[in-house]
Amino acid sequence: MMSKILKPETAAEPKGYKGFLYIKCRKCGEVHAFCTRERINGSICPCCGARTFFTEPLKVMRIYCECGLYTRYMTNLKEEMFDANCINCGSLVAVKYNSRKNRYETIRE
């Protein structure tokens, strides 16, 4: 009789994302930021109600605001450069995609 060897499930790819998310709606293009405590694999747009599923891995976005706040988001945006609002003071923070690190980072002057 042969015994079965149970292979452990690979934890390489998480089943969804949690924390601060910065998501662009696939239908209307509106960008909304929110925080979730549970892992999700998609979001519902607050403007048009369309569902946006995370079919591709989200990228890390690090925002360092002048007010001193550091925030780490996960995003589905594909633009090279854009402005994001600080959740503390509301000011715009310019971010740019760093292809070497595969993440968005604050543009420092």
PDB file of N, CA and C in Angstrom:
ATOM      1  N   MET A   1       0.838  -1.168   0.000  1.00  0.00           N
ATOM      2  CA  MET A   1       0.000   0.000   0.000  1.00  0.00           C
ATOM      3  C   MET A   1       0.892   1.244   0.000  1.00  0.00           C
ATOM      4  N   MET A   2       0.584   2.178  -0.883  1.00  0.00           N
ATOM      5  CA  MET A   2       1.371   3.405  -0.989  1.00  0.00           C
ATOM      6  C   MET A   2       0.763   4.470  -0.085  1.00  0.00           C
ATOM      7  N   SER A   3       1.614   5.191   0.604  1.00  0.00           N
ATOM      8  CA  SER A   3       1.119   6.283   1.434  1.00  0.00           C
ATOM      9  C   SER A   3       1.124   7.570   0.630  1.00  0.00           C
ATOM     10  N   LYS A   4       0.177   8.412   0.933  1.00  0.00           N
ATOM     11  CA  LYS A   4       0.083   9.695   0.242  1.00  0.00           C
ATOM     12  C   LYS A   4       0.926  10.724   0.982  1.00  0.00           C
ATOM     13  N   ILE A   5       1.638  11.505   0.233  1.00  0.00           N
ATOM     14  CA  ILE A   5       2.424  12.593   0.810  1.00  0.00           C
ATOM     15  C   ILE A   5       1.654  13.877   0.562  1.00  0.00           C
ATOM     16  N   LEU A   6       1.324  14.564   1.625  1.00  0.00           N
ATOM     17  CA  LEU A   6       0.589  15.818   1.504  1.00  0.00           C
ATOM     18  C   LEU A   6       1.569  16.959   1.296  1.00  0.00           C
ATOM     19  N   LYS A   7       1.378  17.657   0.219  1.00  0.00           N
ATOM     20  CA  LYS A   7       2.233  18.807  -0.054  1.00  0.00           C
ATOM     21  C   LYS A   7       1.621  20.037   0.602  1.00  0.00           C
ATOM     22  N   PRO A   8       2.430  20.827   1.284  1.00  0.00           N
ATOM     23  CA  PRO A   8       1.877  22.047   1.880  1.00  0.00           C
ATOM     24  C   PRO A   8       1.470  23.027   0.788  1.00  0.00           C
ATOM     25  N   GLU A   9       0.392  23.737   1.063  1.00  0.00           N
ATOM     26  CA  GLU A   9      -0.051  24.736   0.101  1.00  0.00           C
ATOM     27  C   GLU A   9       0.960  25.869   0.065  1.00  0.00           C
ATOM     28  N   THR A  10       1.227  26.334  -1.127  1.00  0.00           N
ATOM     29  CA  THR A  10       2.188  27.425  -1.259  1.00  0.00           C
ATOM     30  C   THR A  10       1.528  28.723  -0.835  1.00  0.00           C
ATOM     31  N   ALA A  11       2.223  29.473  -0.040  1.00  0.00           N
ATOM     32  CA  ALA A  11       1.716  30.761   0.432  1.00  0.00           C
ATOM     33  C   ALA A  11       2.359  31.899  -0.342  1.00  0.00           C
ATOM     34  N   ALA A  12       2.791  31.615  -1.566  1.00  0.00           N
ATOM     35  CA  ALA A  12       3.479  32.631  -2.358  1.00  0.00           C
ATOM     36  C   ALA A  12       2.539  33.760  -2.759  1.00  0.00           C
ATOM     37  N   GLU A  13       1.318  33.426  -3.112  1.00  0.00           N
ATOM     38  CA  GLU A  13       0.365  34.441  -3.555  1.00  0.00           C
ATOM     39  C   GLU A  13      -0.769  34.541  -2.542  1.00  0.00           C
ATOM     40  N   PRO A  14      -0.913  35.690  -1.876  1.00  0.00           N
ATOM     41  CA  PRO A  14      -1.993  35.825  -0.904  1.00  0.00           C
ATOM     42  C   PRO A  14      -3.353  35.840  -1.603  1.00  0.00           C
ATOM     43  N   LYS A  15      -4.359  35.404  -0.889  1.00  0.00           N
ATOM     44  CA  LYS A  15      -5.705  35.379  -1.454  1.00  0.00           C
ATOM     45  C   LYS A  15      -6.377  36.699  -1.135  1.00  0.00           C
ATOM     46  N   GLY A  16      -6.066  37.709  -1.887  1.00  0.00           N
ATOM     47  CA  GLY A  16      -6.649  39.020  -1.682  1.00  0.00           C
ATOM     48  C   GLY A  16      -5.680  39.977  -1.008  1.00  0.00           C
ATOM     49  N   TYR A  17      -6.170  41.181  -0.782  1.00  0.00           N
ATOM     50  CA  TYR A  17      -5.347  42.238  -0.199  1.00  0.00           C
ATOM     51  C   TYR A  17      -6.100  42.887   0.946  1.00  0.00           C
ATOM     52  N   LYS A  18      -5.353  43.390   1.934  1.00  0.00           N
ATOM     53  CA  LYS A  18      -5.945  44.141   3.027  1.00  0.00           C
ATOM     54  C   LYS A  18      -5.043  45.322   3.344  1.00  0.00           C
ATOM     55  N   GLY A  19      -5.559  46.255   4.125  1.00  0.00           N
ATOM     56  CA  GLY A  19      -4.813  47.457   4.447  1.00  0.00           C
ATOM     57  C   GLY A  19      -5.286  48.623   3.589  1.00  0.00           C
ATOM     58  N   PHE A  20      -4.412  49.594   3.369  1.00  0.00           N
ATOM     59  CA  PHE A  20      -4.754  50.756   2.557  1.00  0.00           C
ATOM     60  C   PHE A  20      -4.669  50.394   1.080  1.00  0.00           C
ATOM     61  N   LEU A  21      -5.758  50.614   0.354  1.00  0.00           N
ATOM     62  CA  LEU A  21      -5.816  50.333  -1.078  1.00  0.00           C
ATOM     63  C   LEU A  21      -6.149  51.613  -1.825  1.00  0.00           C
ATOM     64  N   TYR A  22      -5.552  51.793  -2.987  1.00  0.00           N
ATOM     65  CA  TYR A  22      -5.751  52.965  -3.844  1.00  0.00           C
ATOM     66  C   TYR A  22      -6.143  52.412  -5.208  1.00  0.00           C
ATOM     67  N   ILE A  23      -7.449  52.329  -5.472  1.00  0.00           N
ATOM     68  CA  ILE A  23      -7.974  51.556  -6.586  1.00  0.00           C
ATOM     69  C   ILE A  23      -8.648  52.449  -7.624  1.00  0.00           C
ATOM     70  N   LYS A  24      -8.356  52.163  -8.893  1.00  0.00           N
ATOM     71  CA  LYS A  24      -8.988  52.856 -10.013  1.00  0.00           C
ATOM     72  C   LYS A  24     -10.116  51.980 -10.548  1.00  0.00           C
ATOM     73  N   CYS A  25     -11.305  52.564 -10.704  1.00  0.00           N
ATOM     74  CA  CYS A  25     -12.466  51.837 -11.208  1.00  0.00           C
ATOM     75  C   CYS A  25     -12.246  51.477 -12.672  1.00  0.00           C
ATOM     76  N   ARG A  26     -12.550  50.240 -13.029  1.00  0.00           N
ATOM     77  CA  ARG A  26     -12.353  49.787 -14.409  1.00  0.00           C
ATOM     78  C   ARG A  26     -13.389  50.379 -15.353  1.00  0.00           C
ATOM     79  N   LYS A  27     -14.530  50.843 -14.819  1.00  0.00           N
ATOM     80  CA  LYS A  27     -15.602  51.364 -15.667  1.00  0.00           C
ATOM     81  C   LYS A  27     -15.520  52.883 -15.843  1.00  0.00           C
ATOM     82  N   CYS A  28     -15.585  53.638 -14.742  1.00  0.00           N
ATOM     83  CA  CYS A  28     -15.629  55.104 -14.844  1.00  0.00           C
ATOM     84  C   CYS A  28     -14.255  55.755 -14.713  1.00  0.00           C
ATOM     85  N   GLY A  29     -13.241  55.026 -14.228  1.00  0.00           N
ATOM     86  CA  GLY A  29     -11.897  55.582 -14.102  1.00  0.00           C
ATOM     87  C   GLY A  29     -11.663  56.385 -12.841  1.00  0.00           C
ATOM     88  N   GLU A  30     -12.666  56.488 -11.980  1.00  0.00           N
ATOM     89  CA  GLU A  30     -12.527  57.228 -10.727  1.00  0.00           C
ATOM     90  C   GLU A  30     -11.599  56.463  -9.779  1.00  0.00           C
ATOM     91  N   VAL A  31     -10.719  57.192  -9.096  1.00  0.00           N
ATOM     92  CA  VAL A  31      -9.782  56.584  -8.150  1.00  0.00           C
ATOM     93  C   VAL A  31     -10.307  56.819  -6.739  1.00  0.00           C
ATOM     94  N   HIS A  32     -10.345  55.767  -5.936  1.00  0.00           N
ATOM     95  CA  HIS A  32     -10.764  55.918  -4.548  1.00  0.00           C
ATOM     96  C   HIS A  32      -9.813  55.160  -3.627  1.00  0.00           C
ATOM     97  N   ALA A  33      -9.568  55.767  -2.478  1.00  0.00           N
ATOM     98  CA  ALA A  33      -8.678  55.178  -1.474  1.00  0.00           C
ATOM     99  C   ALA A  33      -9.513  54.755  -0.277  1.00  0.00           C
ATOM    100  N   PHE A  34      -9.175  53.588   0.271  1.00  0.00           N
ATOM    101  CA  PHE A  34      -9.892  53.094   1.438  1.00  0.00           C
ATOM    102  C   PHE A  34      -9.007  52.108   2.183  1.00  0.00           C
ATOM    103  N   CYS A  35      -9.435  51.752   3.387  1.00  0.00           N
ATOM    104  CA  CYS A  35      -8.704  50.792   4.205  1.00  0.00           C
ATOM    105  C   CYS A  35      -9.635  49.646   4.562  1.00  0.00           C
ATOM    106  N   THR A  36      -9.136  48.432   4.449  1.00  0.00           N
ATOM    107  CA  THR A  36      -9.927  47.256   4.793  1.00  0.00           C
ATOM    108  C   THR A  36      -9.130  46.357   5.730  1.00  0.00           C
ATOM    109  N   ARG A  37      -9.814  45.782   6.701  1.00  0.00           N
ATOM    110  CA  ARG A  37      -9.155  44.885   7.654  1.00  0.00           C
ATOM    111  C   ARG A  37      -9.195  43.438   7.197  1.00  0.00           C
ATOM    112  N   GLU A  38     -10.102  43.128   6.291  1.00  0.00           N
ATOM    113  CA  GLU A  38     -10.224  41.763   5.779  1.00  0.00           C
ATOM    114  C   GLU A  38      -9.669  41.697   4.369  1.00  0.00           C
ATOM    115  N   ARG A  39      -9.172  40.533   3.992  1.00  0.00           N
ATOM    116  CA  ARG A  39      -8.635  40.351   2.640  1.00  0.00           C
ATOM    117  C   ARG A  39      -9.774  40.385   1.627  1.00  0.00           C
ATOM    118  N   ILE A  40      -9.578  41.177   0.569  1.00  0.00           N
ATOM    119  CA  ILE A  40     -10.575  41.274  -0.494  1.00  0.00           C
ATOM    120  C   ILE A  40      -9.884  41.036  -1.831  1.00  0.00           C
ATOM    121  N   ASN A  41     -10.654  40.625  -2.826  1.00  0.00           N
ATOM    122  CA  ASN A  41     -10.092  40.404  -4.160  1.00  0.00           C
ATOM    123  C   ASN A  41     -10.712  41.328  -5.192  1.00  0.00           C
ATOM    124  N   GLY A  42     -11.367  42.388  -4.723  1.00  0.00           N
ATOM    125  CA  GLY A  42     -11.969  43.364  -5.614  1.00  0.00           C
ATOM    126  C   GLY A  42     -12.612  44.468  -4.797  1.00  0.00           C
ATOM    127  N   SER A  43     -13.091  45.502  -5.502  1.00  0.00           N
ATOM    128  CA  SER A  43     -13.748  46.607  -4.808  1.00  0.00           C
ATOM    129  C   SER A  43     -14.943  47.079  -5.621  1.00  0.00           C
ATOM    130  N   ILE A  44     -15.841  47.801  -4.956  1.00  0.00           N
ATOM    131  CA  ILE A  44     -17.011  48.377  -5.603  1.00  0.00           C
ATOM    132  C   ILE A  44     -16.817  49.883  -5.627  1.00  0.00           C
ATOM    133  N   CYS A  45     -16.953  50.476  -6.802  1.00  0.00           N
ATOM    134  CA  CYS A  45     -16.751  51.914  -6.973  1.00  0.00           C
ATOM    135  C   CYS A  45     -17.852  52.685  -6.245  1.00  0.00           C
ATOM    136  N   PRO A  46     -17.494  53.677  -5.418  1.00  0.00           N
ATOM    137  CA  PRO A  46     -18.518  54.468  -4.738  1.00  0.00           C
ATOM    138  C   PRO A  46     -19.254  55.426  -5.679  1.00  0.00           C
ATOM    139  N   CYS A  47     -18.700  55.671  -6.869  1.00  0.00           N
ATOM    140  CA  CYS A  47     -19.334  56.594  -7.816  1.00  0.00           C
ATOM    141  C   CYS A  47     -20.343  55.898  -8.728  1.00  0.00           C
ATOM    142  N   CYS A  48     -19.914  54.813  -9.397  1.00  0.00           N
ATOM    143  CA  CYS A  48     -20.785  54.164 -10.385  1.00  0.00           C
ATOM    144  C   CYS A  48     -21.280  52.791  -9.953  1.00  0.00           C
ATOM    145  N   GLY A  49     -20.719  52.217  -8.899  1.00  0.00           N
ATOM    146  CA  GLY A  49     -21.162  50.919  -8.403  1.00  0.00           C
ATOM    147  C   GLY A  49     -20.581  49.718  -9.125  1.00  0.00           C
ATOM    148  N   ALA A  50     -19.664  49.932 -10.070  1.00  0.00           N
ATOM    149  CA  ALA A  50     -19.063  48.822 -10.815  1.00  0.00           C
ATOM    150  C   ALA A  50     -18.075  48.067  -9.929  1.00  0.00           C
ATOM    151  N   ARG A  51     -17.956  46.781 -10.182  1.00  0.00           N
ATOM    152  CA  ARG A  51     -17.007  45.947  -9.442  1.00  0.00           C
ATOM    153  C   ARG A  51     -15.687  45.880 -10.200  1.00  0.00           C
ATOM    154  N   THR A  52     -14.596  46.105  -9.493  1.00  0.00           N
ATOM    155  CA  THR A  52     -13.255  45.990 -10.054  1.00  0.00           C
ATOM    156  C   THR A  52     -12.548  44.856  -9.324  1.00  0.00           C
ATOM    157  N   PHE A  53     -12.279  43.775 -10.043  1.00  0.00           N
ATOM    158  CA  PHE A  53     -11.593  42.632  -9.449  1.00  0.00           C
ATOM    159  C   PHE A  53     -10.093  42.764  -9.681  1.00  0.00           C
ATOM    160  N   PHE A  54      -9.305  42.294  -8.731  1.00  0.00           N
ATOM    161  CA  PHE A  54      -7.852  42.370  -8.823  1.00  0.00           C
ATOM    162  C   PHE A  54      -7.351  41.149  -9.590  1.00  0.00           C
ATOM    163  N   THR A  55      -7.364  41.244 -10.918  1.00  0.00           N
ATOM    164  CA  THR A  55      -6.935  40.124 -11.758  1.00  0.00           C
ATOM    165  C   THR A  55      -5.420  40.069 -11.887  1.00  0.00           C
ATOM    166  N   GLU A  56      -4.751  41.202 -11.732  1.00  0.00           N
ATOM    167  CA  GLU A  56      -3.293  41.271 -11.769  1.00  0.00           C
ATOM    168  C   GLU A  56      -2.796  41.649 -10.374  1.00  0.00           C
ATOM    169  N   PRO A  57      -1.573  41.267 -10.027  1.00  0.00           N
ATOM    170  CA  PRO A  57      -1.046  41.640  -8.701  1.00  0.00           C
ATOM    171  C   PRO A  57      -0.989  43.160  -8.537  1.00  0.00           C
ATOM    172  N   LEU A  58      -1.371  43.640  -7.360  1.00  0.00           N
ATOM    173  CA  LEU A  58      -1.313  45.069  -7.076  1.00  0.00           C
ATOM    174  C   LEU A  58       0.121  45.470  -6.767  1.00  0.00           C
ATOM    175  N   LYS A  59       0.422  46.737  -7.038  1.00  0.00           N
ATOM    176  CA  LYS A  59       1.767  47.260  -6.787  1.00  0.00           C
ATOM    177  C   LYS A  59       1.776  48.077  -5.494  1.00  0.00           C
ATOM    178  N   VAL A  60       2.927  48.131  -4.862  1.00  0.00           N
ATOM    179  CA  VAL A  60       3.105  48.913  -3.640  1.00  0.00           C
ATOM    180  C   VAL A  60       3.247  50.383  -4.007  1.00  0.00           C
ATOM    181  N   MET A  61       2.625  51.262  -3.209  1.00  0.00           N
ATOM    182  CA  MET A  61       2.760  52.705  -3.397  1.00  0.00           C
ATOM    183  C   MET A  61       3.108  53.301  -2.033  1.00  0.00           C
ATOM    184  N   ARG A  62       4.263  53.952  -1.962  1.00  0.00           N
ATOM    185  CA  ARG A  62       4.724  54.563  -0.715  1.00  0.00           C
ATOM    186  C   ARG A  62       4.635  56.073  -0.828  1.00  0.00           C
ATOM    187  N   ILE A  63       3.904  56.680   0.106  1.00  0.00           N
ATOM    188  CA  ILE A  63       3.713  58.128   0.095  1.00  0.00           C
ATOM    189  C   ILE A  63       4.348  58.726   1.344  1.00  0.00           C
ATOM    190  N   TYR A  64       5.281  59.656   1.130  1.00  0.00           N
ATOM    191  CA  TYR A  64       5.879  60.435   2.209  1.00  0.00           C
ATOM    192  C   TYR A  64       5.403  61.871   2.032  1.00  0.00           C
ATOM    193  N   CYS A  65       4.518  62.328   2.911  1.00  0.00           N
ATOM    194  CA  CYS A  65       3.969  63.683   2.804  1.00  0.00           C
ATOM    195  C   CYS A  65       4.841  64.666   3.583  1.00  0.00           C
ATOM    196  N   GLU A  66       4.737  65.950   3.204  1.00  0.00           N
ATOM    197  CA  GLU A  66       5.490  67.000   3.892  1.00  0.00           C
ATOM    198  C   GLU A  66       5.027  67.182   5.336  1.00  0.00           C
ATOM    199  N   CYS A  67       3.797  66.744   5.649  1.00  0.00           N
ATOM    200  CA  CYS A  67       3.296  66.864   7.025  1.00  0.00           C
ATOM    201  C   CYS A  67       3.944  65.835   7.949  1.00  0.00           C
ATOM    202  N   GLY A  68       4.734  64.902   7.368  1.00  0.00           N
ATOM    203  CA  GLY A  68       5.438  63.911   8.165  1.00  0.00           C
ATOM    204  C   GLY A  68       4.814  62.532   8.142  1.00  0.00           C
ATOM    205  N   LEU A  69       3.667  62.386   7.505  1.00  0.00           N
ATOM    206  CA  LEU A  69       2.988  61.092   7.482  1.00  0.00           C
ATOM    207  C   LEU A  69       3.528  60.202   6.371  1.00  0.00           C
ATOM    208  N   TYR A  70       3.779  58.946   6.710  1.00  0.00           N
ATOM    209  CA  TYR A  70       4.161  57.929   5.730  1.00  0.00           C
ATOM    210  C   TYR A  70       2.998  56.957   5.603  1.00  0.00           C
ATOM    211  N   THR A  71       2.566  56.684   4.378  1.00  0.00           N
ATOM    212  CA  THR A  71       1.468  55.753   4.139  1.00  0.00           C
ATOM    213  C   THR A  71       1.873  54.772   3.059  1.00  0.00           C
ATOM    214  N   ARG A  72       1.532  53.504   3.274  1.00  0.00           N
ATOM    215  CA  ARG A  72       1.811  52.449   2.295  1.00  0.00           C
ATOM    216  C   ARG A  72       0.481  51.943   1.754  1.00  0.00           C
ATOM    217  N   TYR A  73       0.304  52.064   0.456  1.00  0.00           N
ATOM    218  CA  TYR A  73      -0.898  51.594  -0.223  1.00  0.00           C
ATOM    219  C   TYR A  73      -0.543  50.438  -1.150  1.00  0.00           C
ATOM    220  N   MET A  74      -1.561  49.716  -1.579  1.00  0.00           N
ATOM    221  CA  MET A  74      -1.476  48.786  -2.701  1.00  0.00           C
ATOM    222  C   MET A  74      -2.386  49.377  -3.772  1.00  0.00           C
ATOM    223  N   THR A  75      -1.937  49.384  -5.028  1.00  0.00           N
ATOM    224  CA  THR A  75      -2.699  50.035  -6.081  1.00  0.00           C
ATOM    225  C   THR A  75      -2.732  49.208  -7.357  1.00  0.00           C
ATOM    226  N   ASN A  76      -3.774  49.444  -8.150  1.00  0.00           N
ATOM    227  CA  ASN A  76      -3.891  48.804  -9.461  1.00  0.00           C
ATOM    228  C   ASN A  76      -3.607  49.789 -10.594  1.00  0.00           C
ATOM    229  N   LEU A  77      -3.166  50.998 -10.264  1.00  0.00           N
ATOM    230  CA  LEU A  77      -2.876  52.002 -11.290  1.00  0.00           C
ATOM    231  C   LEU A  77      -1.696  51.573 -12.151  1.00  0.00           C
ATOM    232  N   LYS A  78      -1.727  52.012 -13.409  1.00  0.00           N
ATOM    233  CA  LYS A  78      -0.647  51.672 -14.336  1.00  0.00           C
ATOM    234  C   LYS A  78       0.015  52.911 -14.926  1.00  0.00           C
ATOM    235  N   GLU A  79      -0.373  54.092 -14.461  1.00  0.00           N
ATOM    236  CA  GLU A  79       0.223  55.327 -14.947  1.00  0.00           C
ATOM    237  C   GLU A  79       1.666  55.443 -14.464  1.00  0.00           C
ATOM    238  N   GLU A  80       2.471  56.162 -15.226  1.00  0.00           N
ATOM    239  CA  GLU A  80       3.872  56.372 -14.869  1.00  0.00           C
ATOM    240  C   GLU A  80       4.002  57.323 -13.680  1.00  0.00           C
ATOM    241  N   MET A  81       3.143  58.379 -13.665  1.00  0.00           N
ATOM    242  CA  MET A  81       3.233  59.408 -12.648  1.00  0.00           C
ATOM    243  C   MET A  81       1.833  59.962 -12.380  1.00  0.00           C
ATOM    244  N   PHE A  82       1.518  60.264 -11.117  1.00  0.00           N
ATOM    245  CA  PHE A  82       0.225  60.847 -10.770  1.00  0.00           C
ATOM    246  C   PHE A  82       0.323  61.469  -9.384  1.00  0.00           C
ATOM    247  N   ASP A  83      -0.736  62.172  -8.978  1.00  0.00           N
ATOM    248  CA  ASP A  83      -0.808  62.797  -7.662  1.00  0.00           C
ATOM    249  C   ASP A  83      -1.796  62.036  -6.790  1.00  0.00           C
ATOM    250  N   ALA A  84      -1.429  61.822  -5.536  1.00  0.00           N
ATOM    251  CA  ALA A  84      -2.302  61.161  -4.563  1.00  0.00           C
ATOM    252  C   ALA A  84      -2.490  62.103  -3.381  1.00  0.00           C
ATOM    253  N   ASN A  85      -3.648  62.041  -2.746  1.00  0.00           N
ATOM    254  CA  ASN A  85      -3.935  62.882  -1.592  1.00  0.00           C
ATOM    255  C   ASN A  85      -3.415  62.235  -0.316  1.00  0.00           C
ATOM    256  N   CYS A  86      -2.843  63.054   0.558  1.00  0.00           N
ATOM    257  CA  CYS A  86      -2.420  62.598   1.875  1.00  0.00           C
ATOM    258  C   CYS A  86      -3.670  62.389   2.734  1.00  0.00           C
ATOM    259  N   ILE A  87      -3.731  61.284   3.471  1.00  0.00           N
ATOM    260  CA  ILE A  87      -4.916  61.032   4.289  1.00  0.00           C
ATOM    261  C   ILE A  87      -4.921  61.863   5.570  1.00  0.00           C
ATOM    262  N   ASN A  88      -3.792  62.473   5.914  1.00  0.00           N
ATOM    263  CA  ASN A  88      -3.696  63.269   7.129  1.00  0.00           C
ATOM    264  C   ASN A  88      -4.046  64.735   6.876  1.00  0.00           C
ATOM    265  N   CYS A  89      -3.382  65.358   5.908  1.00  0.00           N
ATOM    266  CA  CYS A  89      -3.576  66.793   5.680  1.00  0.00           C
ATOM    267  C   CYS A  89      -4.319  67.107   4.384  1.00  0.00           C
ATOM    268  N   GLY A  90      -4.458  66.135   3.486  1.00  0.00           N
ATOM    269  CA  GLY A  90      -5.206  66.342   2.249  1.00  0.00           C
ATOM    270  C   GLY A  90      -4.411  66.941   1.105  1.00  0.00           C
ATOM    271  N   SER A  91      -3.150  67.263   1.320  1.00  0.00           N
ATOM    272  CA  SER A  91      -2.361  67.863   0.241  1.00  0.00           C
ATOM    273  C   SER A  91      -1.991  66.812  -0.802  1.00  0.00           C
ATOM    274  N   LEU A  92      -1.726  67.280  -2.019  1.00  0.00           N
ATOM    275  CA  LEU A  92      -1.350  66.384  -3.106  1.00  0.00           C
ATOM    276  C   LEU A  92       0.115  65.988  -2.979  1.00  0.00           C
ATOM    277  N   VAL A  93       0.384  64.708  -3.195  1.00  0.00           N
ATOM    278  CA  VAL A  93       1.744  64.178  -3.155  1.00  0.00           C
ATOM    279  C   VAL A  93       2.007  63.520  -4.501  1.00  0.00           C
ATOM    280  N   ALA A  94       3.043  63.975  -5.206  1.00  0.00           N
ATOM    281  CA  ALA A  94       3.383  63.420  -6.517  1.00  0.00           C
ATOM    282  C   ALA A  94       4.132  62.107  -6.334  1.00  0.00           C
ATOM    283  N   VAL A  95       3.686  61.069  -7.047  1.00  0.00           N
ATOM    284  CA  VAL A  95       4.349  59.763  -6.995  1.00  0.00           C
ATOM    285  C   VAL A  95       4.699  59.319  -8.406  1.00  0.00           C
ATOM    286  N   LYS A  96       5.764  58.536  -8.509  1.00  0.00           N
ATOM    287  CA  LYS A  96       6.252  58.052  -9.795  1.00  0.00           C
ATOM    288  C   LYS A  96       6.595  56.580  -9.663  1.00  0.00           C
ATOM    289  N   TYR A  97       6.388  55.822 -10.751  1.00  0.00           N
ATOM    290  CA  TYR A  97       6.673  54.390 -10.740  1.00  0.00           C
ATOM    291  C   TYR A  97       8.172  54.152 -10.857  1.00  0.00           C
ATOM    292  N   ASN A  98       8.716  53.339  -9.956  1.00  0.00           N
ATOM    293  CA  ASN A  98      10.122  52.954  -9.970  1.00  0.00           C
ATOM    294  C   ASN A  98      10.173  51.524 -10.498  1.00  0.00           C
ATOM    295  N   SER A  99      10.588  51.359 -11.747  1.00  0.00           N
ATOM    296  CA  SER A  99      10.565  50.037 -12.379  1.00  0.00           C
ATOM    297  C   SER A  99      11.598  49.084 -11.782  1.00  0.00           C
ATOM    298  N   ARG A 100      12.682  49.615 -11.236  1.00  0.00           N
ATOM    299  CA  ARG A 100      13.691  48.741 -10.623  1.00  0.00           C
ATOM    300  C   ARG A 100      13.168  48.094  -9.340  1.00  0.00           C
ATOM    301  N   LYS A 101      12.381  48.848  -8.576  1.00  0.00           N
ATOM    302  CA  LYS A 101      11.838  48.333  -7.318  1.00  0.00           C
ATOM    303  C   LYS A 101      10.403  47.828  -7.468  1.00  0.00           C
ATOM    304  N   ASN A 102       9.808  48.018  -8.640  1.00  0.00           N
ATOM    305  CA  ASN A 102       8.445  47.583  -8.945  1.00  0.00           C
ATOM    306  C   ASN A 102       7.437  48.171  -7.956  1.00  0.00           C
ATOM    307  N   ARG A 103       7.543  49.489  -7.710  1.00  0.00           N
ATOM    308  CA  ARG A 103       6.612  50.163  -6.812  1.00  0.00           C
ATOM    309  C   ARG A 103       6.552  51.649  -7.141  1.00  0.00           C
ATOM    310  N   TYR A 104       5.526  52.307  -6.622  1.00  0.00           N
ATOM    311  CA  TYR A 104       5.383  53.753  -6.755  1.00  0.00           C
ATOM    312  C   TYR A 104       6.013  54.409  -5.535  1.00  0.00           C
ATOM    313  N   GLU A 105       6.743  55.510  -5.782  1.00  0.00           N
ATOM    314  CA  GLU A 105       7.414  56.219  -4.698  1.00  0.00           C
ATOM    315  C   GLU A 105       7.191  57.714  -4.843  1.00  0.00           C
ATOM    316  N   THR A 106       7.293  58.423  -3.726  1.00  0.00           N
ATOM    317  CA  THR A 106       7.153  59.874  -3.721  1.00  0.00           C
ATOM    318  C   THR A 106       8.287  60.511  -4.508  1.00  0.00           C
ATOM    319  N   ILE A 107       7.945  61.500  -5.326  1.00  0.00           N
ATOM    320  CA  ILE A 107       8.957  62.251  -6.070  1.00  0.00           C
ATOM    321  C   ILE A 107       9.535  63.290  -5.119  1.00  0.00           C
ATOM    322  N   ARG A 108      10.820  63.192  -4.870  1.00  0.00           N
ATOM    323  CA  ARG A 108      11.475  64.135  -3.957  1.00  0.00           C
ATOM    324  C   ARG A 108      12.245  65.158  -4.767  1.00  0.00           C
ATOM    325  N   GLU A 109      12.166  66.394  -4.331  1.00  0.00           N
ATOM    326  CA  GLU A 109      12.836  67.476  -5.067  1.00  0.00           C
ATOM    327  C   GLU A 109      14.180  67.797  -4.490  1.00  0.00           C
TER     328      GLU A 109
END
